[in-house]
PDB file of all heavy atoms in Angstrom:
ATOM      1  N   ASN A   1       0.759  -1.216  -0.052  1.00  0.00           N
ATOM      2  CA  ASN A   1       0.069  -0.009   0.033  1.00  0.00           C
ATOM      3  C   ASN A   1       0.893   1.222   0.009  1.00  0.00           C
ATOM      4  O   ASN A   1       0.419   2.259  -0.559  1.00  0.00           O
ATOM      5  CB  ASN A   1      -0.962   0.079   1.257  1.00  0.00           C
ATOM      6  CG  ASN A   1      -2.036  -0.982   1.185  1.00  0.00           C
ATOM      7  OD1 ASN A   1      -2.552  -1.297   0.046  1.00  0.00           O
ATOM      8  ND2 ASN A   1      -2.368  -1.530   2.306  1.00  0.00           N
ATOM      9  N   ASP A   2       2.028   1.105   0.555  1.00  0.00           N
ATOM     10  CA  ASP A   2       2.979   2.232   0.739  1.00  0.00           C
ATOM     11  C   ASP A   2       3.790   2.357  -0.586  1.00  0.00           C
ATOM     12  O   ASP A   2       4.587   1.447  -0.881  1.00  0.00           O
ATOM     13  CB  ASP A   2       3.846   2.090   1.872  1.00  0.00           C
ATOM     14  CG  ASP A   2       4.699   3.316   2.237  1.00  0.00           C
ATOM     15  OD1 ASP A   2       4.897   4.159   1.245  1.00  0.00           O
ATOM     16  OD2 ASP A   2       5.112   3.459   3.433  1.00  0.00           O
ATOM     17  N   PRO A   3       3.687   3.458  -1.295  1.00  0.00           N
ATOM     18  CA  PRO A   3       4.452   3.539  -2.590  1.00  0.00           C
ATOM     19  C   PRO A   3       5.967   3.606  -2.369  1.00  0.00           C
ATOM     20  O   PRO A   3       6.750   3.423  -3.340  1.00  0.00           O
ATOM     21  CB  PRO A   3       3.939   4.967  -3.132  1.00  0.00           C
ATOM     22  CG  PRO A   3       3.421   5.728  -2.041  1.00  0.00           C
ATOM     23  CD  PRO A   3       2.838   4.715  -1.089  1.00  0.00           C
ATOM     24  N   ARG A   4       6.408   3.811  -1.165  1.00  0.00           N
ATOM     25  CA  ARG A   4       7.869   3.842  -0.906  1.00  0.00           C
ATOM     26  C   ARG A   4       8.399   2.332  -0.914  1.00  0.00           C
ATOM     27  O   ARG A   4       9.705   2.273  -0.959  1.00  0.00           O
ATOM     28  CB  ARG A   4       8.129   4.487   0.486  1.00  0.00           C
ATOM     29  CG  ARG A   4       7.811   5.924   0.503  1.00  0.00           C
ATOM     30  CD  ARG A   4       7.932   6.465   1.958  1.00  0.00           C
ATOM     31  NE  ARG A   4       7.066   5.827   2.912  1.00  0.00           N
ATOM     32  CZ  ARG A   4       6.896   6.130   4.180  1.00  0.00           C
ATOM     33  NH1 ARG A   4       7.822   6.972   4.733  1.00  0.00           N
ATOM     34  NH2 ARG A   4       6.057   5.471   4.992  1.00  0.00           N
ATOM     35  N   VAL A   5       7.584   1.367  -0.802  1.00  0.00           N
ATOM     36  CA  VAL A   5       8.021   0.014  -0.803  1.00  0.00           C
ATOM     37  C   VAL A   5       7.941  -0.430  -2.284  1.00  0.00           C
ATOM     38  O   VAL A   5       6.933  -0.479  -2.983  1.00  0.00           O
ATOM     39  CB  VAL A   5       7.169  -0.905   0.096  1.00  0.00           C
ATOM     40  CG1 VAL A   5       7.631  -2.335  -0.078  1.00  0.00           C
ATOM     41  CG2 VAL A   5       7.147  -0.364   1.522  1.00  0.00           C
ATOM     42  N   LYS A   6       9.106  -0.930  -2.792  1.00  0.00           N
ATOM     43  CA  LYS A   6       9.221  -1.480  -4.107  1.00  0.00           C
ATOM     44  C   LYS A   6       9.512  -2.998  -4.089  1.00  0.00           C
ATOM     45  O   LYS A   6      10.317  -3.394  -3.278  1.00  0.00           O
ATOM     46  CB  LYS A   6      10.325  -0.675  -4.897  1.00  0.00           C
ATOM     47  CG  LYS A   6      10.167   0.751  -4.988  1.00  0.00           C
ATOM     48  CD  LYS A   6       8.823   1.304  -5.567  1.00  0.00           C
ATOM     49  CE  LYS A   6       8.717   2.751  -5.565  1.00  0.00           C
ATOM     50  NZ  LYS A   6       7.456   3.217  -6.183  1.00  0.00           N
ATOM     51  N   LEU A   7       8.944  -3.687  -5.016  1.00  0.00           N
ATOM     52  CA  LEU A   7       9.245  -5.173  -5.089  1.00  0.00           C
ATOM     53  C   LEU A   7      10.065  -5.360  -6.393  1.00  0.00           C
ATOM     54  O   LEU A   7       9.711  -4.834  -7.496  1.00  0.00           O
ATOM     55  CB  LEU A   7       7.959  -5.943  -5.129  1.00  0.00           C
ATOM     56  CG  LEU A   7       7.086  -5.817  -3.924  1.00  0.00           C
ATOM     57  CD1 LEU A   7       5.715  -6.453  -4.233  1.00  0.00           C
ATOM     58  CD2 LEU A   7       7.670  -6.386  -2.687  1.00  0.00           C
ATOM     59  N   ARG A   8      11.064  -6.184  -6.314  1.00  0.00           N
ATOM     60  CA  ARG A   8      11.837  -6.523  -7.548  1.00  0.00           C
ATOM     61  C   ARG A   8      12.582  -7.869  -7.304  1.00  0.00           C
ATOM     62  O   ARG A   8      12.795  -8.260  -6.204  1.00  0.00           O
ATOM     63  CB  ARG A   8      12.742  -5.445  -8.003  1.00  0.00           C
ATOM     64  CG  ARG A   8      13.997  -5.251  -7.123  1.00  0.00           C
ATOM     65  CD  ARG A   8      14.792  -3.940  -7.605  1.00  0.00           C
ATOM     66  NE  ARG A   8      15.980  -3.669  -6.787  1.00  0.00           N
ATOM     67  CZ  ARG A   8      17.192  -3.908  -7.117  1.00  0.00           C
ATOM     68  NH1 ARG A   8      17.400  -4.548  -8.357  1.00  0.00           N
ATOM     69  NH2 ARG A   8      18.226  -3.585  -6.387  1.00  0.00           N
ATOM     70  N   GLU A   9      12.862  -8.492  -8.442  1.00  0.00           N
ATOM     71  CA  GLU A   9      13.628  -9.753  -8.448  1.00  0.00           C
ATOM     72  C   GLU A   9      15.050  -9.569  -8.678  1.00  0.00           C
ATOM     73  O   GLU A   9      15.380  -8.950  -9.700  1.00  0.00           O
ATOM     74  CB  GLU A   9      12.996 -10.698  -9.367  1.00  0.00           C
ATOM     75  CG  GLU A   9      13.603 -12.122  -9.327  1.00  0.00           C
ATOM     76  CD  GLU A   9      12.983 -13.088 -10.263  1.00  0.00           C
ATOM     77  OE1 GLU A   9      13.280 -13.079 -11.519  1.00  0.00           O
ATOM     78  OE2 GLU A   9      12.171 -13.870  -9.847  1.00  0.00           O
ATOM     79  N   LEU A  10      15.926  -9.969  -7.832  1.00  0.00           N
ATOM     80  CA  LEU A  10      17.367  -9.900  -7.976  1.00  0.00           C
ATOM     81  C   LEU A  10      17.820 -11.157  -8.772  1.00  0.00           C
ATOM     82  O   LEU A  10      17.477 -12.296  -8.442  1.00  0.00           O
ATOM     83  CB  LEU A  10      18.159  -9.828  -6.699  1.00  0.00           C
ATOM     84  CG  LEU A  10      17.753  -8.564  -5.748  1.00  0.00           C
ATOM     85  CD1 LEU A  10      18.697  -8.712  -4.542  1.00  0.00           C
ATOM     86  CD2 LEU A  10      17.956  -7.281  -6.514  1.00  0.00           C
ATOM     87  N   PRO A  11      18.601 -11.075  -9.810  1.00  0.00           N
ATOM     88  CA  PRO A  11      19.061 -12.128 -10.585  1.00  0.00           C
ATOM     89  C   PRO A  11      20.108 -13.016  -9.747  1.00  0.00           C
ATOM     90  O   PRO A  11      20.623 -12.501  -8.797  1.00  0.00           O
ATOM     91  CB  PRO A  11      19.673 -11.570 -11.846  1.00  0.00           C
ATOM     92  CG  PRO A  11      20.157 -10.228 -11.376  1.00  0.00           C
ATOM     93  CD  PRO A  11      19.144  -9.788 -10.353  1.00  0.00           C
ATOM     94  N   SER A  12      20.324 -14.198 -10.227  1.00  0.00           N
ATOM     95  CA  SER A  12      21.460 -14.957  -9.499  1.00  0.00           C
ATOM     96  C   SER A  12      22.736 -14.113  -9.719  1.00  0.00           C
ATOM     97  O   SER A  12      22.909 -13.475 -10.685  1.00  0.00           O
ATOM     98  CB  SER A  12      21.516 -16.321 -10.184  1.00  0.00           C
ATOM     99  OG  SER A  12      21.911 -16.240 -11.533  1.00  0.00           O
ATOM    100  N   ARG A  13      23.592 -14.156  -8.679  1.00  0.00           N
ATOM    101  CA  ARG A  13      24.767 -13.353  -8.696  1.00  0.00           C
ATOM    102  C   ARG A  13      25.845 -14.008  -7.857  1.00  0.00           C
ATOM    103  O   ARG A  13      25.597 -14.782  -6.920  1.00  0.00           O
ATOM    104  CB  ARG A  13      24.461 -11.955  -8.163  1.00  0.00           C
ATOM    105  CG  ARG A  13      24.016 -11.979  -6.791  1.00  0.00           C
ATOM    106  CD  ARG A  13      22.976 -10.710  -6.522  1.00  0.00           C
ATOM    107  NE  ARG A  13      22.748 -10.537  -5.086  1.00  0.00           N
ATOM    108  CZ  ARG A  13      21.840 -11.137  -4.348  1.00  0.00           C
ATOM    109  NH1 ARG A  13      21.126 -12.213  -4.981  1.00  0.00           N
ATOM    110  NH2 ARG A  13      21.618 -10.985  -3.144  1.00  0.00           N
ATOM    111  N   LYS A  14      27.096 -13.643  -8.223  1.00  0.00           N
ATOM    112  CA  LYS A  14      28.241 -14.106  -7.450  1.00  0.00           C
ATOM    113  C   LYS A  14      28.733 -13.035  -6.480  1.00  0.00           C
ATOM    114  O   LYS A  14      28.971 -11.883  -6.915  1.00  0.00           O
ATOM    115  CB  LYS A  14      29.474 -14.390  -8.394  1.00  0.00           C
ATOM    116  CG  LYS A  14      30.630 -15.047  -7.691  1.00  0.00           C
ATOM    117  CD  LYS A  14      31.745 -15.417  -8.589  1.00  0.00           C
ATOM    118  CE  LYS A  14      31.431 -16.654  -9.528  1.00  0.00           C
ATOM    119  NZ  LYS A  14      32.680 -16.895 -10.317  1.00  0.00           N
ATOM    120  N   VAL A  15      28.737 -13.387  -5.211  1.00  0.00           N
ATOM    121  CA  VAL A  15      29.008 -12.353  -4.181  1.00  0.00           C
ATOM    122  C   VAL A  15      30.140 -12.833  -3.331  1.00  0.00           C
ATOM    123  O   VAL A  15      30.244 -14.021  -2.907  1.00  0.00           O
ATOM    124  CB  VAL A  15      27.753 -12.221  -3.289  1.00  0.00           C
ATOM    125  CG1 VAL A  15      27.980 -11.466  -2.094  1.00  0.00           C
ATOM    126  CG2 VAL A  15      26.601 -11.646  -4.140  1.00  0.00           C
ATOM    127  N   ALA A  16      31.076 -11.921  -3.069  1.00  0.00           N
ATOM    128  CA  ALA A  16      32.094 -12.062  -2.035  1.00  0.00           C
ATOM    129  C   ALA A  16      31.568 -11.591  -0.746  1.00  0.00           C
ATOM    130  O   ALA A  16      31.029 -10.475  -0.653  1.00  0.00           O
ATOM    131  CB  ALA A  16      33.369 -11.321  -2.376  1.00  0.00           C
ATOM    132  N   ALA A  17      31.606 -12.415   0.317  1.00  0.00           N
ATOM    133  CA  ALA A  17      31.062 -12.104   1.539  1.00  0.00           C
ATOM    134  C   ALA A  17      32.061 -12.105   2.706  1.00  0.00           C
ATOM    135  O   ALA A  17      32.812 -13.103   2.881  1.00  0.00           O
ATOM    136  CB  ALA A  17      29.908 -13.113   1.917  1.00  0.00           C
ATOM    137  N   TYR A  18      32.149 -11.053   3.432  1.00  0.00           N
ATOM    138  CA  TYR A  18      33.106 -10.901   4.583  1.00  0.00           C
ATOM    139  C   TYR A  18      32.415 -10.816   5.874  1.00  0.00           C
ATOM    140  O   TYR A  18      31.539  -9.972   6.069  1.00  0.00           O
ATOM    141  CB  TYR A  18      34.012  -9.643   4.351  1.00  0.00           C
ATOM    142  CG  TYR A  18      34.938  -9.273   5.396  1.00  0.00           C
ATOM    143  CD1 TYR A  18      36.304  -9.769   5.293  1.00  0.00           C
ATOM    144  CD2 TYR A  18      34.531  -8.601   6.501  1.00  0.00           C
ATOM    145  CE1 TYR A  18      37.143  -9.370   6.285  1.00  0.00           C
ATOM    146  CE2 TYR A  18      35.508  -8.220   7.475  1.00  0.00           C
ATOM    147  CZ  TYR A  18      36.743  -8.600   7.376  1.00  0.00           C
ATOM    148  OH  TYR A  18      37.664  -8.213   8.337  1.00  0.00           O
ATOM    149  N   GLU A  19      32.556 -11.785   6.791  1.00  0.00           N
ATOM    150  CA  GLU A  19      31.779 -11.847   8.035  1.00  0.00           C
ATOM    151  C   GLU A  19      32.625 -11.294   9.202  1.00  0.00           C
ATOM    152  O   GLU A  19      33.806 -11.441   9.259  1.00  0.00           O
ATOM    153  CB  GLU A  19      31.433 -13.203   8.353  1.00  0.00           C
ATOM    154  CG  GLU A  19      30.609 -13.454   9.549  1.00  0.00           C
ATOM    155  CD  GLU A  19      30.070 -14.862   9.834  1.00  0.00           C
ATOM    156  OE1 GLU A  19      30.097 -15.612   8.921  1.00  0.00           O
ATOM    157  OE2 GLU A  19      29.722 -15.176  10.936  1.00  0.00           O
ATOM    158  N   TYR A  20      31.872 -10.505  10.084  1.00  0.00           N
ATOM    159  CA  TYR A  20      32.500 -10.046  11.272  1.00  0.00           C
ATOM    160  C   TYR A  20      31.478  -9.817  12.354  1.00  0.00           C
ATOM    161  O   TYR A  20      30.227  -9.804  12.086  1.00  0.00           O
ATOM    162  CB  TYR A  20      33.236  -8.730  11.019  1.00  0.00           C
ATOM    163  CG  TYR A  20      32.535  -7.453  10.726  1.00  0.00           C
ATOM    164  CD1 TYR A  20      32.136  -6.616  11.766  1.00  0.00           C
ATOM    165  CD2 TYR A  20      32.006  -7.198   9.464  1.00  0.00           C
ATOM    166  CE1 TYR A  20      31.346  -5.483  11.490  1.00  0.00           C
ATOM    167  CE2 TYR A  20      31.223  -6.034   9.172  1.00  0.00           C
ATOM    168  CZ  TYR A  20      30.918  -5.271  10.235  1.00  0.00           C
ATOM    169  OH  TYR A  20      30.169  -4.088   9.969  1.00  0.00           O
ATOM    170  N   SER A  21      31.881  -9.855  13.559  1.00  0.00           N
ATOM    171  CA  SER A  21      31.019  -9.536  14.744  1.00  0.00           C
ATOM    172  C   SER A  21      31.223  -8.253  15.264  1.00  0.00           C
ATOM    173  O   SER A  21      32.093  -7.478  14.819  1.00  0.00           O
ATOM    174  CB  SER A  21      31.269 -10.634  15.781  1.00  0.00           C
ATOM    175  OG  SER A  21      32.599 -10.488  16.327  1.00  0.00           O
ATOM    176  N   GLY A  22      30.339  -7.837  16.244  1.00  0.00           N
ATOM    177  CA  GLY A  22      30.572  -6.560  16.783  1.00  0.00           C
ATOM    178  C   GLY A  22      29.475  -5.609  16.466  1.00  0.00           C
ATOM    179  O   GLY A  22      28.401  -5.925  16.013  1.00  0.00           O
ATOM    180  N   THR A  23      29.760  -4.364  16.870  1.00  0.00           N
ATOM    181  CA  THR A  23      28.687  -3.266  16.762  1.00  0.00           C
ATOM    182  C   THR A  23      28.333  -2.944  15.252  1.00  0.00           C
ATOM    183  O   THR A  23      29.044  -3.336  14.369  1.00  0.00           O
ATOM    184  CB  THR A  23      29.105  -2.030  17.440  1.00  0.00           C
ATOM    185  OG1 THR A  23      30.219  -1.360  16.629  1.00  0.00           O
ATOM    186  CG2 THR A  23      29.672  -2.268  18.921  1.00  0.00           C
ATOM    187  N   TRP A  24      27.315  -2.143  15.114  1.00  0.00           N
ATOM    188  CA  TRP A  24      26.808  -1.806  13.841  1.00  0.00           C
ATOM    189  C   TRP A  24      27.367  -0.363  13.511  1.00  0.00           C
ATOM    190  O   TRP A  24      26.770   0.303  12.613  1.00  0.00           O
ATOM    191  CB  TRP A  24      25.320  -1.820  13.726  1.00  0.00           C
ATOM    192  CG  TRP A  24      24.716  -3.127  13.819  1.00  0.00           C
ATOM    193  CD1 TRP A  24      25.338  -4.292  13.571  1.00  0.00           C
ATOM    194  CD2 TRP A  24      23.377  -3.472  14.168  1.00  0.00           C
ATOM    195  NE1 TRP A  24      24.489  -5.327  13.707  1.00  0.00           N
ATOM    196  CE2 TRP A  24      23.299  -4.885  14.029  1.00  0.00           C
ATOM    197  CE3 TRP A  24      22.240  -2.776  14.465  1.00  0.00           C
ATOM    198  CZ2 TRP A  24      22.032  -5.571  14.320  1.00  0.00           C
ATOM    199  CZ3 TRP A  24      21.083  -3.339  14.743  1.00  0.00           C
ATOM    200  CH2 TRP A  24      20.967  -4.808  14.659  1.00  0.00           C
ATOM    201  N   SER A  25      28.348   0.129  14.183  1.00  0.00           N
ATOM    202  CA  SER A  25      28.816   1.510  14.019  1.00  0.00           C
ATOM    203  C   SER A  25      29.442   1.617  12.627  1.00  0.00           C
ATOM    204  O   SER A  25      29.993   0.699  12.056  1.00  0.00           O
ATOM    205  CB  SER A  25      29.826   1.845  15.034  1.00  0.00           C
ATOM    206  OG  SER A  25      31.004   1.171  14.899  1.00  0.00           O
ATOM    207  N   GLU A  26      29.270   2.902  12.145  1.00  0.00           N
ATOM    208  CA  GLU A  26      29.892   3.146  10.776  1.00  0.00           C
ATOM    209  C   GLU A  26      31.454   3.068  10.819  1.00  0.00           C
ATOM    210  O   GLU A  26      32.087   2.565   9.864  1.00  0.00           O
ATOM    211  CB  GLU A  26      29.558   4.577  10.355  1.00  0.00           C
ATOM    212  CG  GLU A  26      29.975   4.900   8.965  1.00  0.00           C
ATOM    213  CD  GLU A  26      29.388   6.269   8.518  1.00  0.00           C
ATOM    214  OE1 GLU A  26      28.939   6.990   9.244  1.00  0.00           O
ATOM    215  OE2 GLU A  26      29.535   6.498   7.239  1.00  0.00           O
ATOM    216  N   SER A  27      32.055   3.364  11.995  1.00  0.00           N
ATOM    217  CA  SER A  27      33.492   3.273  12.102  1.00  0.00           C
ATOM    218  C   SER A  27      34.033   1.892  12.063  1.00  0.00           C
ATOM    219  O   SER A  27      34.980   1.586  11.318  1.00  0.00           O
ATOM    220  CB  SER A  27      34.032   3.971  13.373  1.00  0.00           C
ATOM    221  OG  SER A  27      33.433   3.367  14.530  1.00  0.00           O
ATOM    222  N   ARG A  28      33.306   1.023  12.662  1.00  0.00           N
ATOM    223  CA  ARG A  28      33.648  -0.393  12.647  1.00  0.00           C
ATOM    224  C   ARG A  28      33.445  -0.970  11.263  1.00  0.00           C
ATOM    225  O   ARG A  28      34.249  -1.730  10.704  1.00  0.00           O
ATOM    226  CB  ARG A  28      32.931  -1.255  13.674  1.00  0.00           C
ATOM    227  CG  ARG A  28      33.357  -2.679  13.774  1.00  0.00           C
ATOM    228  CD  ARG A  28      32.870  -3.466  14.967  1.00  0.00           C
ATOM    229  NE  ARG A  28      33.268  -4.810  15.052  1.00  0.00           N
ATOM    230  CZ  ARG A  28      34.468  -5.254  15.427  1.00  0.00           C
ATOM    231  NH1 ARG A  28      35.403  -4.401  15.784  1.00  0.00           N
ATOM    232  NH2 ARG A  28      34.747  -6.548  15.381  1.00  0.00           N
ATOM    233  N   TYR A  29      32.308  -0.583  10.673  1.00  0.00           N
ATOM    234  CA  TYR A  29      31.997  -1.033   9.348  1.00  0.00           C
ATOM    235  C   TYR A  29      33.146  -0.688   8.372  1.00  0.00           C
ATOM    236  O   TYR A  29      33.623  -1.401   7.564  1.00  0.00           O
ATOM    237  CB  TYR A  29      30.712  -0.508   8.841  1.00  0.00           C
ATOM    238  CG  TYR A  29      30.414  -0.755   7.397  1.00  0.00           C
ATOM    239  CD1 TYR A  29      29.889  -1.910   6.890  1.00  0.00           C
ATOM    240  CD2 TYR A  29      30.543   0.394   6.511  1.00  0.00           C
ATOM    241  CE1 TYR A  29      29.672  -2.012   5.477  1.00  0.00           C
ATOM    242  CE2 TYR A  29      30.368   0.222   5.074  1.00  0.00           C
ATOM    243  CZ  TYR A  29      29.890  -0.977   4.638  1.00  0.00           C
ATOM    244  OH  TYR A  29      29.603  -1.089   3.321  1.00  0.00           O
ATOM    245  N   ASN A  30      33.532   0.672   8.410  1.00  0.00           N
ATOM    246  CA  ASN A  30      34.548   1.189   7.518  1.00  0.00           C
ATOM    247  C   ASN A  30      35.916   0.496   7.678  1.00  0.00           C
ATOM    248  O   ASN A  30      36.577   0.237   6.730  1.00  0.00           O
ATOM    249  CB  ASN A  30      34.694   2.680   7.702  1.00  0.00           C
ATOM    250  CG  ASN A  30      33.558   3.407   7.052  1.00  0.00           C
ATOM    251  OD1 ASN A  30      32.877   2.911   6.090  1.00  0.00           O
ATOM    252  ND2 ASN A  30      33.259   4.586   7.573  1.00  0.00           N
ATOM    253  N   GLU A  31      36.210   0.157   8.992  1.00  0.00           N
ATOM    254  CA  GLU A  31      37.422  -0.521   9.253  1.00  0.00           C
ATOM    255  C   GLU A  31      37.391  -1.913   8.630  1.00  0.00           C
ATOM    256  O   GLU A  31      38.389  -2.370   7.960  1.00  0.00           O
ATOM    257  CB  GLU A  31      37.458  -0.709  10.834  1.00  0.00           C
ATOM    258  CG  GLU A  31      38.765  -1.536  11.252  1.00  0.00           C
ATOM    259  CD  GLU A  31      38.649  -1.828  12.720  1.00  0.00           C
ATOM    260  OE1 GLU A  31      37.900  -1.245  13.491  1.00  0.00           O
ATOM    261  OE2 GLU A  31      39.368  -2.868  13.160  1.00  0.00           O
ATOM    262  N   LYS A  32      36.286  -2.677   8.789  1.00  0.00           N
ATOM    263  CA  LYS A  32      36.209  -3.988   8.153  1.00  0.00           C
ATOM    264  C   LYS A  32      36.149  -3.932   6.653  1.00  0.00           C
ATOM    265  O   LYS A  32      36.698  -4.840   5.979  1.00  0.00           O
ATOM    266  CB  LYS A  32      34.958  -4.754   8.696  1.00  0.00           C
ATOM    267  CG  LYS A  32      35.039  -4.948  10.278  1.00  0.00           C
ATOM    268  CD  LYS A  32      36.181  -5.827  10.656  1.00  0.00           C
ATOM    269  CE  LYS A  32      36.239  -6.118  12.153  1.00  0.00           C
ATOM    270  NZ  LYS A  32      37.432  -6.923  12.475  1.00  0.00           N
ATOM    271  N   LEU A  33      35.452  -2.966   6.187  1.00  0.00           N
ATOM    272  CA  LEU A  33      35.398  -2.782   4.686  1.00  0.00           C
ATOM    273  C   LEU A  33      36.728  -2.510   4.068  1.00  0.00           C
ATOM    274  O   LEU A  33      37.176  -3.197   3.053  1.00  0.00           O
ATOM    275  CB  LEU A  33      34.485  -1.643   4.337  1.00  0.00           C
ATOM    276  CG  LEU A  33      34.340  -1.278   2.879  1.00  0.00           C
ATOM    277  CD1 LEU A  33      33.872  -2.459   2.007  1.00  0.00           C
ATOM    278  CD2 LEU A  33      33.502  -0.072   2.615  1.00  0.00           C
ATOM    279  N   ALA A  34      37.580  -1.747   4.671  1.00  0.00           N
ATOM    280  CA  ALA A  34      38.974  -1.553   4.193  1.00  0.00           C
ATOM    281  C   ALA A  34      39.826  -2.788   4.231  1.00  0.00           C
ATOM    282  O   ALA A  34      40.481  -3.063   3.257  1.00  0.00           O
ATOM    283  CB  ALA A  34      39.651  -0.434   5.147  1.00  0.00           C
ATOM    284  N   HIS A  35      39.596  -3.612   5.278  1.00  0.00           N
ATOM    285  CA  HIS A  35      40.381  -4.914   5.259  1.00  0.00           C
ATOM    286  C   HIS A  35      39.845  -5.828   4.262  1.00  0.00           C
ATOM    287  O   HIS A  35      40.618  -6.511   3.494  1.00  0.00           O
ATOM    288  CB  HIS A  35      40.188  -5.486   6.654  1.00  0.00           C
ATOM    289  CG  HIS A  35      40.929  -6.829   6.870  1.00  0.00           C
ATOM    290  ND1 HIS A  35      40.342  -8.067   6.843  1.00  0.00           N
ATOM    291  CD2 HIS A  35      42.269  -7.078   6.955  1.00  0.00           C
ATOM    292  CE1 HIS A  35      41.158  -9.052   7.080  1.00  0.00           C
ATOM    293  NE2 HIS A  35      42.347  -8.404   7.049  1.00  0.00           N
ATOM    294  N   PHE A  36      38.522  -5.898   4.016  1.00  0.00           N
ATOM    295  CA  PHE A  36      37.878  -6.724   3.011  1.00  0.00           C
ATOM    296  C   PHE A  36      38.397  -6.282   1.614  1.00  0.00           C
ATOM    297  O   PHE A  36      38.763  -7.151   0.811  1.00  0.00           O
ATOM    298  CB  PHE A  36      36.423  -6.527   3.107  1.00  0.00           C
ATOM    299  CG  PHE A  36      35.543  -7.401   2.152  1.00  0.00           C
ATOM    300  CD1 PHE A  36      36.060  -8.578   1.626  1.00  0.00           C
ATOM    301  CD2 PHE A  36      34.265  -7.040   1.872  1.00  0.00           C
ATOM    302  CE1 PHE A  36      35.220  -9.467   0.817  1.00  0.00           C
ATOM    303  CE2 PHE A  36      33.471  -7.841   0.947  1.00  0.00           C
ATOM    304  CZ  PHE A  36      34.032  -9.014   0.456  1.00  0.00           C
ATOM    305  N   GLN A  37      38.385  -5.078   1.380  1.00  0.00           N
ATOM    306  CA  GLN A  37      38.833  -4.521  -0.022  1.00  0.00           C
ATOM    307  C   GLN A  37      40.346  -4.899  -0.264  1.00  0.00           C
ATOM    308  O   GLN A  37      40.667  -5.300  -1.304  1.00  0.00           O
ATOM    309  CB  GLN A  37      38.591  -3.049  -0.080  1.00  0.00           C
ATOM    310  CG  GLN A  37      37.145  -2.768  -0.161  1.00  0.00           C
ATOM    311  CD  GLN A  37      36.877  -1.171  -0.104  1.00  0.00           C
ATOM    312  OE1 GLN A  37      37.603  -0.475   0.594  1.00  0.00           O
ATOM    313  NE2 GLN A  37      35.800  -0.735  -0.767  1.00  0.00           N
TER     314      GLN A  37
END
């Protein structure tokens, strides 16, 4: 009912996934992202 919600199908895709624990802070995310890259 809400026009802000969109539905779509994502195709099959190859994804590299890096797992970590801890807080959801942007600083921790950026730290882990730099290591992942």
